[in-house]
Amino acid sequence: VDADVLAPLLAQAAAESRRSHGTRADIDVPPIVGQSKAIEEVRTFVHRAGPSKETVALYGETGTGKEVVARHLHAASPRATGPFVALNAACVQRELFESELFGHRKGAFTGATNHHLGMFGDAGGGSLFIDEVAELPLDTQGKLLRALESGAIRPVGATREVVVNVRIIAATNRDLWAEVKRGGFREDLYFR
């Protein structure tokens, strides 16, 4: 191992570790490693967007570290003491999206033997990272849009909406505007 290469990387990792441990000790925030112009732009983006309350959309190829950036955004936000909940939309059965995101009430469907908070409930006061957001079915996209606009959700089988306090960080490896033009992603959600 070349010490001239390793030393700056270790120094950067230690600095990132010190910054991330100033928030929550129980959330794993791996360092953003590298010295390139592109990596510095990512760090600048996290520094600027992290403290914001706004929804964030991350784009990048599979394996480029979108979840790492999402964790840094959370750690840099006023919500850092709240939970960071990650959902990979590509891994959820289409029939279960609504229940996974918004929760359900006992008896809402066959097999619903207990109340389930869902990802929005689990992320209360923190950040909800939705990876592969382009995989969400169109009807679920509409409900996600409603949650973003109103700050409220309706769990499956519930008669009333529930107010939620969650910041959404979404990620995809697809061109969402191309998905909008194709009809696979809602234009209003894209702009939100």
C-alpha atoms as a PDB file:
ATOM      1  CA  VAL A   1       0.000   0.000   0.000  1.00  0.00           C
ATOM      2  CA  ASP A   2       1.333   3.411  -0.958  1.00  0.00           C
ATOM      3  CA  ALA A   3       1.332   5.590   2.203  1.00  0.00           C
ATOM      4  CA  ASP A   4       1.076   8.758   0.097  1.00  0.00           C
ATOM      5  CA  VAL A   5      -2.239   7.526  -1.285  1.00  0.00           C
ATOM      6  CA  LEU A   6      -3.574   5.963   1.919  1.00  0.00           C
ATOM      7  CA  ALA A   7      -2.818   8.845   4.316  1.00  0.00           C
ATOM      8  CA  PRO A   8      -5.136  11.436   2.681  1.00  0.00           C
ATOM      9  CA  LEU A   9      -7.927   8.873   2.386  1.00  0.00           C
ATOM     10  CA  LEU A  10      -7.639   7.986   6.078  1.00  0.00           C
ATOM     11  CA  ALA A  11      -7.581  11.661   7.052  1.00  0.00           C
ATOM     12  CA  GLN A  12     -10.716  12.292   4.988  1.00  0.00           C
ATOM     13  CA  ALA A  13     -12.481   9.252   6.466  1.00  0.00           C
ATOM     14  CA  ALA A  14     -11.612  10.418  10.004  1.00  0.00           C
ATOM     15  CA  ALA A  15     -12.947  13.919   9.267  1.00  0.00           C
ATOM     16  CA  GLU A  16     -16.167  12.521   7.800  1.00  0.00           C
ATOM     17  CA  SER A  17     -16.541  10.251  10.817  1.00  0.00           C
ATOM     18  CA  ARG A  18     -16.146  13.174  13.218  1.00  0.00           C
ATOM     19  CA  ARG A  19     -18.765  15.176  11.299  1.00  0.00           C
ATOM     20  CA  SER A  20     -21.256  12.313  11.188  1.00  0.00           C
ATOM     21  CA  HIS A  21     -20.842  11.397  14.860  1.00  0.00           C
ATOM     22  CA  GLY A  22     -21.950  14.880  15.807  1.00  0.00           C
ATOM     23  CA  THR A  23     -25.492  13.797  14.956  1.00  0.00           C
ATOM     24  CA  ARG A  24     -26.669  10.290  15.860  1.00  0.00           C
ATOM     25  CA  ALA A  25     -24.352   7.597  17.059  1.00  0.00           C
ATOM     26  CA  ASP A  26     -26.769   4.828  16.086  1.00  0.00           C
ATOM     27  CA  ILE A  27     -26.937   5.637  12.364  1.00  0.00           C
ATOM     28  CA  ASP A  28     -24.194   4.319  10.137  1.00  0.00           C
ATOM     29  CA  VAL A  29     -22.990   7.116   7.859  1.00  0.00           C
ATOM     30  CA  PRO A  30     -20.192   5.774   5.694  1.00  0.00           C
ATOM     31  CA  PRO A  31     -17.775   8.432   4.456  1.00  0.00           C
ATOM     32  CA  ILE A  32     -17.956   9.897   0.983  1.00  0.00           C
ATOM     33  CA  VAL A  33     -14.511   8.881  -0.234  1.00  0.00           C
ATOM     34  CA  GLY A  34     -12.589  10.545  -3.022  1.00  0.00           C
ATOM     35  CA  GLN A  35     -10.896  13.747  -4.126  1.00  0.00           C
ATOM     36  CA  SER A  36     -12.306  14.292  -7.624  1.00  0.00           C
ATOM     37  CA  LYS A  37     -14.212  17.364  -8.738  1.00  0.00           C
ATOM     38  CA  ALA A  38     -17.404  15.290  -8.956  1.00  0.00           C
ATOM     39  CA  ILE A  39     -17.034  14.055  -5.356  1.00  0.00           C
ATOM     40  CA  GLU A  40     -16.394  17.611  -4.157  1.00  0.00           C
ATOM     41  CA  GLU A  41     -19.604  18.660  -5.943  1.00  0.00           C
ATOM     42  CA  VAL A  42     -21.472  15.905  -4.066  1.00  0.00           C
ATOM     43  CA  ARG A  43     -20.059  17.147  -0.742  1.00  0.00           C
ATOM     44  CA  THR A  44     -21.070  20.718  -1.615  1.00  0.00           C
ATOM     45  CA  PHE A  45     -24.560  19.504  -2.524  1.00  0.00           C
ATOM     46  CA  VAL A  46     -24.903  17.670   0.808  1.00  0.00           C
ATOM     47  CA  HIS A  47     -23.669  20.736   2.675  1.00  0.00           C
ATOM     48  CA  ARG A  48     -26.246  22.958   0.909  1.00  0.00           C
ATOM     49  CA  ALA A  49     -29.223  20.597   0.684  1.00  0.00           C
ATOM     50  CA  GLY A  50     -28.793  18.724   3.975  1.00  0.00           C
ATOM     51  CA  PRO A  51     -30.139  21.505   6.240  1.00  0.00           C
ATOM     52  CA  SER A  52     -33.107  22.108   3.917  1.00  0.00           C
ATOM     53  CA  LYS A  53     -36.569  20.762   4.661  1.00  0.00           C
ATOM     54  CA  GLU A  54     -37.210  20.088   0.975  1.00  0.00           C
ATOM     55  CA  THR A  55     -37.699  16.770  -0.777  1.00  0.00           C
ATOM     56  CA  VAL A  56     -34.531  15.652  -2.573  1.00  0.00           C
ATOM     57  CA  ALA A  57     -34.201  13.490  -5.684  1.00  0.00           C
ATOM     58  CA  LEU A  58     -30.888  11.716  -6.302  1.00  0.00           C
ATOM     59  CA  TYR A  59     -29.943  10.356  -9.712  1.00  0.00           C
ATOM     60  CA  GLY A  60     -27.138   7.951 -10.499  1.00  0.00           C
ATOM     61  CA  GLU A  61     -26.199   4.557 -11.815  1.00  0.00           C
ATOM     62  CA  THR A  62     -26.651   1.490  -9.641  1.00  0.00           C
ATOM     63  CA  GLY A  63     -23.860   1.207  -7.100  1.00  0.00           C
ATOM     64  CA  THR A  64     -22.774   4.865  -7.167  1.00  0.00           C
ATOM     65  CA  GLY A  65     -23.664   5.508  -3.514  1.00  0.00           C
ATOM     66  CA  LYS A  66     -27.065   7.184  -3.627  1.00  0.00           C
ATOM     67  CA  GLU A  67     -27.980   5.748  -0.211  1.00  0.00           C
ATOM     68  CA  VAL A  68     -24.664   6.971   1.242  1.00  0.00           C
ATOM     69  CA  VAL A  69     -25.498  10.480   0.011  1.00  0.00           C
ATOM     70  CA  ALA A  70     -29.031  10.134   1.421  1.00  0.00           C
ATOM     71  CA  ARG A  71     -27.605   9.200   4.827  1.00  0.00           C
ATOM     72  CA  HIS A  72     -25.316  12.240   4.702  1.00  0.00           C
ATOM     73  CA  LEU A  73     -28.267  14.475   3.786  1.00  0.00           C
ATOM     74  CA  HIS A  74     -30.144  13.098   6.792  1.00  0.00           C
ATOM     75  CA  ALA A  75     -27.144  13.517   9.103  1.00  0.00           C
ATOM     76  CA  ALA A  76     -26.710  17.135   7.953  1.00  0.00           C
ATOM     77  CA  SER A  77     -30.376  17.961   8.504  1.00  0.00           C
ATOM     78  CA  PRO A  78     -32.316  19.212  11.522  1.00  0.00           C
ATOM     79  CA  ARG A  79     -33.904  15.720  11.484  1.00  0.00           C
ATOM     80  CA  ALA A  80     -30.589  14.000  12.252  1.00  0.00           C
ATOM     81  CA  THR A  81     -31.807  12.925  15.686  1.00  0.00           C
ATOM     82  CA  GLY A  82     -34.818  11.216  14.097  1.00  0.00           C
ATOM     83  CA  PRO A  83     -34.843   7.884  12.310  1.00  0.00           C
ATOM     84  CA  PHE A  84     -33.462   7.220   8.837  1.00  0.00           C
ATOM     85  CA  VAL A  85     -35.690   4.637   7.153  1.00  0.00           C
ATOM     86  CA  ALA A  86     -34.761   3.139   3.778  1.00  0.00           C
ATOM     87  CA  LEU A  87     -37.138   1.445   1.354  1.00  0.00           C
ATOM     88  CA  ASN A  88     -36.032  -0.128  -1.912  1.00  0.00           C
ATOM     89  CA  ALA A  89     -39.145   0.141  -4.055  1.00  0.00           C
ATOM     90  CA  ALA A  90     -37.807  -2.472  -6.468  1.00  0.00           C
ATOM     91  CA  CYS A  91     -37.937  -5.096  -3.692  1.00  0.00           C
ATOM     92  CA  VAL A  92     -41.578  -4.622  -2.626  1.00  0.00           C
ATOM     93  CA  GLN A  93     -44.390  -6.635  -4.178  1.00  0.00           C
ATOM     94  CA  ARG A  94     -46.654  -4.308  -6.160  1.00  0.00           C
ATOM     95  CA  GLU A  95     -49.691  -5.337  -4.099  1.00  0.00           C
ATOM     96  CA  LEU A  96     -47.957  -4.335  -0.857  1.00  0.00           C
ATOM     97  CA  PHE A  97     -46.614  -0.878  -1.777  1.00  0.00           C
ATOM     98  CA  GLU A  98     -49.414   1.067  -0.142  1.00  0.00           C
ATOM     99  CA  SER A  99     -49.262  -0.931   3.077  1.00  0.00           C
ATOM    100  CA  GLU A 100     -45.447  -0.753   3.215  1.00  0.00           C
ATOM    101  CA  LEU A 101     -45.382   3.005   2.710  1.00  0.00           C
ATOM    102  CA  PHE A 102     -48.487   4.185   4.549  1.00  0.00           C
ATOM    103  CA  GLY A 103     -49.238   1.324   6.937  1.00  0.00           C
ATOM    104  CA  HIS A 104     -52.513  -0.462   7.534  1.00  0.00           C
ATOM    105  CA  ARG A 105     -55.122  -1.048  10.198  1.00  0.00           C
ATOM    106  CA  LYS A 106     -55.923  -4.399  11.730  1.00  0.00           C
ATOM    107  CA  GLY A 107     -58.466  -6.225   9.561  1.00  0.00           C
ATOM    108  CA  ALA A 108     -57.892  -4.025   6.508  1.00  0.00           C
ATOM    109  CA  PHE A 109     -57.202  -7.126   4.407  1.00  0.00           C
ATOM    110  CA  THR A 110     -56.659 -10.848   4.845  1.00  0.00           C
ATOM    111  CA  GLY A 111     -53.575 -11.327   6.971  1.00  0.00           C
ATOM    112  CA  ALA A 112     -53.675  -7.847   8.558  1.00  0.00           C
ATOM    113  CA  THR A 113     -53.769  -9.139  12.131  1.00  0.00           C
ATOM    114  CA  ASN A 114     -52.215  -6.007  13.702  1.00  0.00           C
ATOM    115  CA  HIS A 115     -51.863  -2.300  13.043  1.00  0.00           C
ATOM    116  CA  HIS A 116     -48.758  -1.570  10.949  1.00  0.00           C
ATOM    117  CA  LEU A 117     -47.188   1.920  10.943  1.00  0.00           C
ATOM    118  CA  GLY A 118     -45.578   1.610   7.528  1.00  0.00           C
ATOM    119  CA  MET A 119     -42.433   3.414   6.428  1.00  0.00           C
ATOM    120  CA  PHE A 120     -43.929   6.880   6.915  1.00  0.00           C
ATOM    121  CA  GLY A 121     -44.813   6.008  10.497  1.00  0.00           C
ATOM    122  CA  ASP A 122     -41.425   4.418  11.153  1.00  0.00           C
ATOM    123  CA  ALA A 123     -39.644   7.529   9.807  1.00  0.00           C
ATOM    124  CA  GLY A 124     -41.657  10.021  11.893  1.00  0.00           C
ATOM    125  CA  GLY A 125     -39.489  13.012  12.774  1.00  0.00           C
ATOM    126  CA  GLY A 126     -36.732  11.764  10.457  1.00  0.00           C
ATOM    127  CA  SER A 127     -36.084  10.956   6.821  1.00  0.00           C
ATOM    128  CA  LEU A 128     -37.616   8.351   4.513  1.00  0.00           C
ATOM    129  CA  PHE A 129     -35.286   7.239   1.725  1.00  0.00           C
ATOM    130  CA  ILE A 130     -37.183   5.725  -1.212  1.00  0.00           C
ATOM    131  CA  ASP A 131     -34.679   4.016  -3.478  1.00  0.00           C
ATOM    132  CA  GLU A 132     -35.755   3.132  -7.028  1.00  0.00           C
ATOM    133  CA  VAL A 133     -38.684   5.571  -6.760  1.00  0.00           C
ATOM    134  CA  ALA A 134     -39.461   5.007 -10.461  1.00  0.00           C
ATOM    135  CA  GLU A 135     -40.648   1.502  -9.517  1.00  0.00           C
ATOM    136  CA  LEU A 136     -43.637   2.850  -7.561  1.00  0.00           C
ATOM    137  CA  PRO A 137     -46.977   2.006  -9.209  1.00  0.00           C
ATOM    138  CA  LEU A 138     -48.850   5.036 -10.590  1.00  0.00           C
ATOM    139  CA  ASP A 139     -51.639   4.836  -7.994  1.00  0.00           C
ATOM    140  CA  THR A 140     -49.062   4.769  -5.182  1.00  0.00           C
ATOM    141  CA  GLN A 141     -47.263   7.706  -6.823  1.00  0.00           C
ATOM    142  CA  GLY A 142     -50.503   9.691  -6.501  1.00  0.00           C
ATOM    143  CA  LYS A 143     -50.740   8.873  -2.803  1.00  0.00           C
ATOM    144  CA  LEU A 144     -47.087   9.790  -2.303  1.00  0.00           C
ATOM    145  CA  LEU A 145     -47.756  13.125  -4.025  1.00  0.00           C
ATOM    146  CA  ARG A 146     -50.696  13.735  -1.672  1.00  0.00           C
ATOM    147  CA  ALA A 147     -48.480  12.957   1.332  1.00  0.00           C
ATOM    148  CA  LEU A 148     -45.833  15.413   0.090  1.00  0.00           C
ATOM    149  CA  GLU A 149     -48.386  18.155  -0.514  1.00  0.00           C
ATOM    150  CA  SER A 150     -50.507  17.739   2.615  1.00  0.00           C
ATOM    151  CA  GLY A 151     -48.166  16.175   5.151  1.00  0.00           C
ATOM    152  CA  ALA A 152     -50.782  13.507   5.813  1.00  0.00           C
ATOM    153  CA  ILE A 153     -51.305   9.859   4.855  1.00  0.00           C
ATOM    154  CA  ARG A 154     -54.207   7.434   5.015  1.00  0.00           C
ATOM    155  CA  PRO A 155     -53.183   3.938   6.149  1.00  0.00           C
ATOM    156  CA  VAL A 156     -54.936   1.074   4.354  1.00  0.00           C
ATOM    157  CA  GLY A 157     -58.258   0.459   6.108  1.00  0.00           C
ATOM    158  CA  ALA A 158     -58.188   3.751   8.036  1.00  0.00           C
ATOM    159  CA  THR A 159     -61.133   6.138   7.983  1.00  0.00           C
ATOM    160  CA  ARG A 160     -59.054   9.270   8.633  1.00  0.00           C
ATOM    161  CA  GLU A 161     -55.773  10.720   7.504  1.00  0.00           C
ATOM    162  CA  VAL A 162     -52.797  10.745   9.853  1.00  0.00           C
ATOM    163  CA  VAL A 163     -50.434  13.742   9.956  1.00  0.00           C
ATOM    164  CA  VAL A 164     -46.803  12.765   9.347  1.00  0.00           C
ATOM    165  CA  ASN A 165     -43.542  14.633   9.828  1.00  0.00           C
ATOM    166  CA  VAL A 166     -41.138  13.073   7.341  1.00  0.00           C
ATOM    167  CA  ARG A 167     -38.600  14.349   4.829  1.00  0.00           C
ATOM    168  CA  ILE A 168     -38.481  12.341   1.615  1.00  0.00           C
ATOM    169  CA  ILE A 169     -35.202  11.584  -0.116  1.00  0.00           C
ATOM    170  CA  ALA A 170     -35.831   9.663  -3.331  1.00  0.00           C
ATOM    171  CA  ALA A 171     -33.339   7.992  -5.644  1.00  0.00           C
ATOM    172  CA  THR A 172     -33.388   6.352  -9.032  1.00  0.00           C
ATOM    173  CA  ASN A 173     -31.056   5.147 -11.738  1.00  0.00           C
ATOM    174  CA  ARG A 174     -33.613   6.017 -14.422  1.00  0.00           C
ATOM    175  CA  ASP A 175     -34.212   9.247 -16.290  1.00  0.00           C
ATOM    176  CA  LEU A 176     -37.440  10.339 -14.557  1.00  0.00           C
ATOM    177  CA  TRP A 177     -38.315  12.885 -17.235  1.00  0.00           C
ATOM    178  CA  ALA A 178     -38.162  10.127 -19.858  1.00  0.00           C
ATOM    179  CA  GLU A 179     -40.412   8.057 -17.554  1.00  0.00           C
ATOM    180  CA  VAL A 180     -42.859  10.994 -17.374  1.00  0.00           C
ATOM    181  CA  LYS A 181     -42.961  11.262 -21.172  1.00  0.00           C
ATOM    182  CA  ARG A 182     -43.453   7.490 -21.427  1.00  0.00           C
ATOM    183  CA  GLY A 183     -46.343   7.630 -18.910  1.00  0.00           C
ATOM    184  CA  GLY A 184     -44.587   5.576 -16.223  1.00  0.00           C
ATOM    185  CA  PHE A 185     -44.062   8.420 -13.732  1.00  0.00           C
ATOM    186  CA  ARG A 186     -46.418  11.224 -12.726  1.00  0.00           C
ATOM    187  CA  GLU A 187     -45.379  14.650 -13.988  1.00  0.00           C
ATOM    188  CA  ASP A 188     -46.731  16.435 -10.898  1.00  0.00           C
ATOM    189  CA  LEU A 189     -44.738  14.103  -8.625  1.00  0.00           C
ATOM    190  CA  TYR A 190     -41.648  14.662 -10.771  1.00  0.00           C
ATOM    191  CA  PHE A 191     -41.848  18.415 -10.194  1.00  0.00           C
ATOM    192  CA  ARG A 192     -42.647  18.026  -6.490  1.00  0.00           C
END
